[in-house]
Protein backbone atom coordinates (compact mmCIF):
# COMPACT_ATOMS: atom_id res chain seq x y z
CA MET A 1 21.47 3.27 -20.06
CA PRO A 2 19.05 3.64 -22.86
CA GLY A 3 15.90 1.80 -22.57
CA ASP A 4 16.22 0.79 -18.87
CA PRO A 5 12.90 0.67 -17.38
CA ARG A 6 13.96 0.73 -13.74
CA ILE A 7 17.10 2.97 -13.65
CA ARG A 8 18.05 6.02 -15.54
CA TYR A 9 21.75 7.03 -15.91
CA GLU A 10 23.10 10.29 -16.86
CA THR A 11 26.17 12.62 -16.42
CA ARG A 12 26.30 16.33 -15.73
CA HIS A 13 28.78 19.07 -15.27
CA GLU A 14 30.75 18.09 -18.02
CA GLY A 15 30.50 14.43 -17.15
CA THR A 16 32.04 14.78 -13.74
CA ILE A 17 28.89 13.96 -11.84
CA ALA A 18 26.86 10.84 -12.49
CA VAL A 19 23.22 10.97 -11.63
CA VAL A 20 21.66 7.57 -11.22
CA SER A 21 17.72 7.69 -10.75
CA LEU A 22 15.41 4.87 -9.39
CA SER A 23 12.86 5.01 -12.14
CA ARG A 24 9.81 2.92 -10.96
CA GLU A 25 7.43 5.74 -10.39
CA ARG A 26 4.48 3.76 -10.70
CA TYR A 27 5.56 1.39 -8.00
CA ARG A 28 6.99 4.21 -5.97
CA ASN A 29 10.57 3.06 -6.85
CA ALA A 30 10.14 -0.09 -4.85
CA LEU A 31 13.51 -1.92 -4.66
CA SER A 32 12.86 -5.12 -6.63
CA GLN A 33 15.78 -7.76 -7.36
CA GLN A 34 15.67 -6.77 -10.87
CA LEU A 35 16.12 -3.03 -10.07
CA MET A 36 18.96 -3.72 -7.58
CA THR A 37 20.75 -5.68 -10.49
CA GLU A 38 20.42 -2.69 -12.66
CA LEU A 39 21.46 -0.18 -10.01
CA GLU A 40 24.73 -2.13 -9.53
CA SER A 41 25.46 -1.97 -13.19
CA ALA A 42 24.85 1.94 -13.09
CA PHE A 43 27.35 2.33 -10.22
CA ASP A 44 29.75 0.07 -11.92
CA GLU A 45 29.47 2.47 -15.10
CA ALA A 46 30.18 5.40 -12.85
CA GLU A 47 32.92 3.86 -11.22
CA ALA A 48 34.54 2.70 -14.49
CA ASP A 49 34.24 6.28 -15.94
CA ASP A 50 37.38 8.22 -15.08
CA ALA A 51 35.67 11.57 -15.81
CA VAL A 52 33.08 10.83 -13.19
CA ARG A 53 34.01 12.24 -9.88
CA VAL A 54 30.91 12.10 -7.77
CA ILE A 55 27.72 10.02 -7.91
CA ILE A 56 24.21 11.22 -6.87
CA LEU A 57 21.48 8.72 -6.30
CA ARG A 58 17.91 10.16 -6.56
CA GLY A 59 14.35 8.80 -7.31
CA ASP A 60 11.76 9.86 -9.96
CA GLY A 61 8.39 10.80 -8.83
CA PRO A 62 6.90 11.82 -5.55
CA VAL A 63 9.07 9.63 -3.45
CA PHE A 64 12.65 8.42 -3.10
CA SER A 65 11.63 4.76 -2.43
CA ALA A 66 8.98 2.88 -0.76
CA GLY A 67 11.40 0.26 0.10
CA HIS A 68 10.95 -3.40 -0.32
CA ASP A 69 9.01 -4.56 -3.29
CA LEU A 70 6.31 -6.66 -1.99
CA GLY A 71 3.82 -6.96 -4.75
CA SER A 72 4.80 -5.47 -8.25
CA PRO A 73 5.15 -7.67 -11.25
CA ASP A 74 8.86 -7.71 -10.59
CA ALA A 75 8.35 -9.23 -7.10
CA ILE A 76 5.63 -11.68 -8.14
CA GLU A 77 8.16 -12.91 -10.85
CA SER A 78 10.94 -13.38 -8.38
CA ARG A 79 8.62 -15.39 -5.76
CA ALA A 80 7.55 -17.58 -8.70
CA LEU A 81 11.26 -18.55 -9.44
CA THR A 82 12.18 -19.07 -5.62
CA GLY A 83 9.06 -20.17 -3.95
CA GLY A 84 9.85 -23.35 -1.79
CA GLU A 85 13.37 -22.95 -1.86
CA SER A 86 15.41 -24.27 1.09
CA MET A 87 17.13 -21.83 3.55
CA GLY A 88 20.44 -23.05 2.27
CA HIS A 89 19.46 -21.39 -1.03
CA ARG A 90 17.45 -18.61 0.29
CA TYR A 91 20.57 -17.41 2.29
CA PRO A 92 23.03 -16.64 -0.51
CA ARG A 93 20.20 -15.15 -2.57
CA THR A 94 18.90 -12.69 -0.23
CA ARG A 95 22.34 -11.73 0.79
CA ALA A 96 23.02 -11.22 -2.86
CA MET A 97 20.10 -8.72 -3.01
CA ASP A 98 19.95 -7.07 0.44
CA VAL A 99 23.63 -7.01 1.75
CA ASP A 100 26.15 -7.51 -0.83
CA PRO A 101 25.12 -4.45 -3.17
CA HIS A 102 25.09 -2.04 -0.21
CA LEU A 103 28.53 -2.99 0.94
CA ARG A 104 29.36 -2.57 -2.74
CA PHE A 105 27.76 0.89 -3.00
CA ARG A 106 29.45 1.97 0.31
CA ASN A 107 32.88 0.82 -0.70
CA ILE A 108 33.00 2.59 -4.24
CA PRO A 109 36.00 4.85 -3.92
CA LYS A 110 34.19 7.90 -5.36
CA PRO A 111 32.11 10.18 -3.25
CA THR A 112 28.36 9.34 -3.23
CA ILE A 113 25.30 11.40 -2.45
CA ALA A 114 21.68 10.31 -1.72
CA MET A 115 19.14 12.96 -2.59
CA ILE A 116 15.88 12.10 -0.55
CA HIS A 117 12.39 13.32 -1.00
CA GLY A 118 8.97 12.01 0.14
CA HIS A 119 9.34 8.57 1.64
CA CYS A 120 12.44 6.51 2.51
CA ILE A 121 11.26 3.34 4.01
CA TYR A 122 13.13 0.28 5.07
CA ALA A 123 15.24 -1.04 2.26
CA ALA A 124 15.28 2.63 0.94
CA TRP A 125 16.94 3.65 4.40
CA MET A 126 19.45 0.72 3.60
CA LEU A 127 20.10 2.01 0.22
CA ALA A 128 20.48 5.59 1.47
CA SER A 129 22.72 4.51 4.35
CA SER A 130 25.34 3.01 1.88
CA MET A 131 25.91 6.50 0.45
CA ASP A 132 28.54 8.90 1.87
CA VAL A 133 26.26 11.83 2.21
CA ILE A 134 22.52 12.31 2.52
CA PHE A 135 20.70 15.49 1.71
CA ALA A 136 16.91 15.60 2.06
CA ALA A 137 13.83 17.69 1.29
CA GLU A 138 11.86 19.29 4.16
CA ASP A 139 9.07 16.87 3.16
CA ALA A 140 11.24 13.65 3.43
CA GLN A 141 10.15 10.89 5.97
CA PHE A 142 12.28 8.05 6.96
CA LEU A 143 11.57 4.68 8.45
CA ALA A 144 14.48 2.65 9.87
CA THR A 145 14.77 -1.08 9.76
CA ASN A 146 16.74 -3.97 11.55
CA PHE A 147 16.39 -6.13 8.35
CA ALA A 148 19.46 -7.53 6.44
CA TYR A 149 21.91 -4.43 6.00
CA PHE A 150 21.45 -3.34 9.56
CA SER A 151 23.33 -0.07 9.54
CA VAL A 152 21.26 1.84 11.87
CA PRO A 153 23.49 1.81 14.99
CA TRP A 154 26.12 3.10 12.78
CA ASP A 155 23.89 5.66 11.15
CA VAL A 156 22.59 7.47 14.37
CA GLY A 157 24.41 5.69 17.35
CA ALA A 158 23.44 2.68 19.54
CA ARG A 159 21.46 4.18 22.05
CA ARG A 160 19.42 6.28 19.38
CA ALA A 161 19.03 3.32 17.37
CA LYS A 162 17.30 1.35 20.12
CA HIS A 163 15.19 4.40 20.96
CA LEU A 164 14.23 4.84 17.33
CA LEU A 165 13.51 1.03 16.54
CA PHE A 166 11.62 0.54 19.73
CA ASP A 167 9.21 3.47 19.01
CA ASP A 168 8.86 2.26 15.31
CA ARG A 169 7.76 5.62 13.81
CA PHE A 170 8.60 7.67 10.79
CA LEU A 171 11.23 10.39 11.37
CA THR A 172 10.87 13.79 9.68
CA ALA A 173 13.81 15.09 7.60
CA ARG A 174 14.87 17.40 10.51
CA GLU A 175 14.54 14.69 12.95
CA ALA A 176 16.81 12.45 10.77
CA MET A 177 19.41 15.47 10.55
CA GLU A 178 19.34 15.76 14.28
CA CYS A 179 20.17 12.01 14.46
CA GLY A 180 23.16 12.45 12.20
CA PHE A 181 21.65 10.30 9.45
CA VAL A 182 20.89 13.25 7.03
CA GLN A 183 23.54 15.92 6.67
CA ASP A 184 21.36 18.86 5.57
CA VAL A 185 17.69 19.63 4.75
CA PHE A 186 16.39 22.03 2.02
CA PRO A 187 13.01 23.25 0.96
CA PRO A 188 11.80 20.70 -1.80
CA ASP A 189 12.32 23.20 -4.62
CA ARG A 190 15.87 23.69 -3.60
CA LEU A 191 16.98 20.12 -3.00
CA GLU A 192 18.24 19.36 -6.55
CA ALA A 193 19.98 22.68 -6.92
CA GLU A 194 21.62 22.44 -3.51
CA THR A 195 22.70 18.92 -4.11
CA MET A 196 24.02 19.63 -7.49
CA ALA A 197 26.00 22.78 -6.00
CA TYR A 198 27.72 20.46 -3.33
CA ALA A 199 28.41 17.82 -5.89
CA GLU A 200 30.06 20.31 -8.02
CA ARG A 201 32.31 21.69 -5.23
CA VAL A 202 33.29 18.16 -4.41
CA ALA A 203 34.10 17.21 -8.23
CA ALA A 204 36.53 20.18 -8.16
CA LYS A 205 38.77 18.54 -5.76
CA ASP A 206 41.54 16.30 -6.13
CA PRO A 207 40.28 12.78 -6.65
CA PHE A 208 42.93 10.99 -4.90
CA GLN A 209 42.35 13.05 -1.79
CA LEU A 210 38.83 12.40 -1.89
CA ARG A 211 39.35 8.74 -2.23
CA MET A 212 42.09 8.79 0.50
CA ILE A 213 39.41 10.70 2.89
CA LYS A 214 36.75 8.01 2.16
CA HIS A 215 39.39 5.01 2.71
CA SER A 216 40.48 6.40 5.94
CA VAL A 217 36.96 6.84 7.48
CA HIS A 218 35.93 3.42 6.33
CA GLN A 219 39.11 1.92 7.84
CA MET A 220 38.13 3.48 11.11
CA GLN A 221 34.76 1.72 11.00
CA GLU A 222 36.09 -1.53 9.93
CA MET A 223 38.63 -1.39 12.96
CA GLN A 224 35.44 -1.05 14.92
CA GLY A 225 33.79 -4.03 13.22
CA PHE A 226 31.41 -2.67 10.60
CA THR A 227 31.29 -5.33 7.97
CA ALA A 228 31.51 -7.95 10.71
CA HIS A 229 28.35 -6.58 12.36
CA ILE A 230 26.46 -6.24 9.04
CA MET A 231 27.24 -9.81 8.24
CA SER A 232 26.34 -10.91 11.72
CA SER A 233 23.10 -9.10 11.91
CA TYR A 234 22.07 -10.60 8.45
CA SER A 235 22.48 -14.08 9.73
CA ASP A 236 20.42 -13.45 12.80
CA ARG A 237 17.78 -12.02 10.33
CA MET A 238 17.78 -15.18 8.32
CA VAL A 239 17.44 -17.23 11.57
CA ARG A 240 14.17 -15.09 12.34
CA ALA A 241 13.06 -15.61 8.76
CA ALA A 242 13.42 -19.45 9.01
CA ASN A 243 10.95 -19.46 12.03
CA THR A 244 7.48 -20.07 10.77
CA ASP A 245 5.86 -17.99 13.51
CA ALA A 246 8.02 -15.01 12.57
CA PRO A 247 6.01 -11.80 10.91
CA ILE A 248 5.37 -12.00 7.31
CA THR A 249 8.37 -11.55 5.15
CA GLN A 250 8.54 -11.00 1.08
CA GLU A 251 9.11 -14.73 0.68
CA GLN A 252 6.22 -15.66 2.94
CA SER A 253 3.62 -13.42 1.37
CA GLU A 254 0.96 -14.79 -0.87
CA PRO A 255 1.61 -14.80 -4.53
CA GLY A 256 0.02 -11.75 -6.32
CA LYS A 257 -0.92 -10.08 -3.25
CA ARG A 258 0.58 -6.85 -1.87
CA ARG A 259 1.33 -6.55 1.98
CA LEU A 260 2.68 -3.89 4.20
CA TYR A 261 5.36 -5.24 6.78
CA THR A 262 3.11 -5.10 10.11
CA SER A 263 5.62 -2.53 11.57
CA VAL A 264 5.16 -0.17 8.53
CA GLU A 265 1.46 -0.46 9.55
CA ARG A 266 2.32 0.52 13.04
CA ALA A 267 4.59 3.36 11.90
CA ARG A 268 1.77 4.72 9.94
CA ALA A 269 -0.48 4.70 13.06
CA ASN A 270 2.31 6.32 15.02
CA ARG A 271 2.80 9.33 12.91
């Protein structure tokens, strides 16, 4: 995707592995509405390419992603276009950004891998969660959320999800692996090589068998109510957002000002 300022797309290993990079290093790869639209296009391109067997998602710069975009020019532009909208308009718009893309990424039939280094906060957790496999560098730090695409109980189990969210603190890469969210942890200088080696092994397998494995696992989760839970949790979140006494959200923050979510501030203090 030449000239794209927010996403880089390339193929490796004779075209069998697509590497999609979040490329907003100046803003710590914050996930703006514009970036999410371009990210969907990149995944569409990888899915449509019959040569691509595996998709890797990564971030440029020192972090995978700082999560929600609360104050970059992208975010200010989005707020200017949507300020003062009714809940009836906000509901489908935020669903189109915070829920539908993650379900789309999750349900792409090809194997997907998230390669995490540095921070992986809130919306970045949601994005990583929508991948099939997660590898992390030893320096990675994760902060879970109950916003929008609320996958955390499925990522780590119900009881551990409550324990984690009650405490509201960053997880180290090792802790995230112990929870089951991350599948393997590597030294930072080995993360890319180890991720690529795994992707090459997977890409060498029969794509039909890979597709059926993924379908079977997802069918099991659907029988347990995965998508129904995601949509119900999103509706609950929107009810909370409609409450004028609720903690500040992206839509409620002042134009032109950057603001951390209150719980991110607490998580920093709890490290």
